[in-house]
Amino acid sequence: MESGPAIFAGTAFTLFGAALLIWTGARVRHRAPVAHGVNPATAATLTTIFGTAFLLVGVWCLSRV
């Protein structure tokens, strides 16, 4: 019964983190701005850090099931 919320949270975090990393990679590869009005290197770095963090939290949640 308690594993249901952990599975949902782990799946949501993992999917969001993976999607954020894929989107950032595509934007950087096409030399498009990751965030408007922000230094491109800073935006790419921060979105990569947060995408990785979300992915790791999702994997951690799924490992607790």
C-alpha atoms as a PDB file:
ATOM      1  CA  MET A   1       0.000   0.000   0.000  1.00  0.00           C
ATOM      2  CA  GLU A   2       2.820   2.409   0.778  1.00  0.00           C
ATOM      3  CA  SER A   3       4.714   1.563  -2.398  1.00  0.00           C
ATOM      4  CA  GLY A   4       2.103   3.226  -4.637  1.00  0.00           C
ATOM      5  CA  PRO A   5       3.104   6.820  -3.842  1.00  0.00           C
ATOM      6  CA  ALA A   6       6.795   5.913  -4.049  1.00  0.00           C
ATOM      7  CA  ILE A   7       6.316   4.406  -7.495  1.00  0.00           C
ATOM      8  CA  PHE A   8       4.360   7.458  -8.664  1.00  0.00           C
ATOM      9  CA  ALA A   9       6.910   9.933  -7.276  1.00  0.00           C
ATOM     10  CA  GLY A  10       9.858   7.951  -8.607  1.00  0.00           C
ATOM     11  CA  THR A  11       8.320   7.716 -12.057  1.00  0.00           C
ATOM     12  CA  ALA A  12       7.423  11.416 -12.138  1.00  0.00           C
ATOM     13  CA  PHE A  13      10.887  12.537 -11.006  1.00  0.00           C
ATOM     14  CA  THR A  14      12.659  10.160 -13.378  1.00  0.00           C
ATOM     15  CA  LEU A  15      10.587  11.138 -16.400  1.00  0.00           C
ATOM     16  CA  PHE A  16      10.925  14.859 -15.680  1.00  0.00           C
ATOM     17  CA  GLY A  17      14.674  14.616 -15.125  1.00  0.00           C
ATOM     18  CA  ALA A  18      15.227  12.591 -18.286  1.00  0.00           C
ATOM     19  CA  ALA A  19      13.032  14.921 -20.350  1.00  0.00           C
ATOM     20  CA  LEU A  20      14.846  17.979 -18.996  1.00  0.00           C
ATOM     21  CA  LEU A  21      18.231  16.487 -19.890  1.00  0.00           C
ATOM     22  CA  ILE A  22      17.084  15.502 -23.389  1.00  0.00           C
ATOM     23  CA  TRP A  23      15.526  18.928 -24.003  1.00  0.00           C
ATOM     24  CA  THR A  24      18.632  20.738 -22.776  1.00  0.00           C
ATOM     25  CA  GLY A  25      20.865  18.584 -24.942  1.00  0.00           C
ATOM     26  CA  ALA A  26      18.735  19.269 -28.009  1.00  0.00           C
ATOM     27  CA  ARG A  27      18.721  23.032 -27.360  1.00  0.00           C
ATOM     28  CA  VAL A  28      22.490  23.132 -26.842  1.00  0.00           C
ATOM     29  CA  ARG A  29      23.157  20.997 -29.924  1.00  0.00           C
ATOM     30  CA  HIS A  30      21.082  23.358 -32.096  1.00  0.00           C
ATOM     31  CA  ARG A  31      22.689  26.408 -30.460  1.00  0.00           C
ATOM     32  CA  ALA A  32      19.267  27.633 -29.376  1.00  0.00           C
ATOM     33  CA  PRO A  33      18.772  29.478 -26.083  1.00  0.00           C
ATOM     34  CA  VAL A  34      17.950  27.237 -23.161  1.00  0.00           C
ATOM     35  CA  ALA A  35      16.358  30.141 -21.253  1.00  0.00           C
ATOM     36  CA  HIS A  36      15.651  33.564 -22.698  1.00  0.00           C
ATOM     37  CA  GLY A  37      17.507  36.467 -21.131  1.00  0.00           C
ATOM     38  CA  VAL A  38      20.086  34.297 -19.360  1.00  0.00           C
ATOM     39  CA  ASN A  39      23.724  33.593 -20.178  1.00  0.00           C
ATOM     40  CA  PRO A  40      23.650  30.421 -22.343  1.00  0.00           C
ATOM     41  CA  ALA A  41      26.428  28.694 -20.397  1.00  0.00           C
ATOM     42  CA  THR A  42      24.752  29.394 -17.062  1.00  0.00           C
ATOM     43  CA  ALA A  43      21.346  28.213 -18.293  1.00  0.00           C
ATOM     44  CA  ALA A  44      22.741  25.003 -19.774  1.00  0.00           C
ATOM     45  CA  THR A  45      24.755  24.262 -16.644  1.00  0.00           C
ATOM     46  CA  LEU A  46      21.873  24.834 -14.243  1.00  0.00           C
ATOM     47  CA  THR A  47      19.361  22.828 -16.262  1.00  0.00           C
ATOM     48  CA  THR A  48      21.854  19.971 -16.523  1.00  0.00           C
ATOM     49  CA  ILE A  49      22.417  20.028 -12.766  1.00  0.00           C
ATOM     50  CA  PHE A  50      18.699  20.086 -11.996  1.00  0.00           C
ATOM     51  CA  GLY A  51      17.895  17.433 -14.616  1.00  0.00           C
ATOM     52  CA  THR A  52      20.505  15.141 -13.117  1.00  0.00           C
ATOM     53  CA  ALA A  53      19.235  15.849  -9.607  1.00  0.00           C
ATOM     54  CA  PHE A  54      15.641  15.007 -10.567  1.00  0.00           C
ATOM     55  CA  LEU A  55      16.800  11.840 -12.299  1.00  0.00           C
ATOM     56  CA  LEU A  56      18.777  10.737  -9.244  1.00  0.00           C
ATOM     57  CA  VAL A  57      15.880  11.477  -6.865  1.00  0.00           C
ATOM     58  CA  GLY A  58      13.579   9.440  -9.088  1.00  0.00           C
ATOM     59  CA  VAL A  59      15.951   6.492  -9.117  1.00  0.00           C
ATOM     60  CA  TRP A  60      16.336   6.776  -5.343  1.00  0.00           C
ATOM     61  CA  CYS A  61      12.542   6.749  -4.888  1.00  0.00           C
ATOM     62  CA  LEU A  62      12.199   3.698  -7.117  1.00  0.00           C
ATOM     63  CA  SER A  63      14.989   1.897  -5.251  1.00  0.00           C
ATOM     64  CA  ARG A  64      12.994   2.230  -2.006  1.00  0.00           C
ATOM     65  CA  VAL A  65      10.078   0.195  -3.344  1.00  0.00           C
END
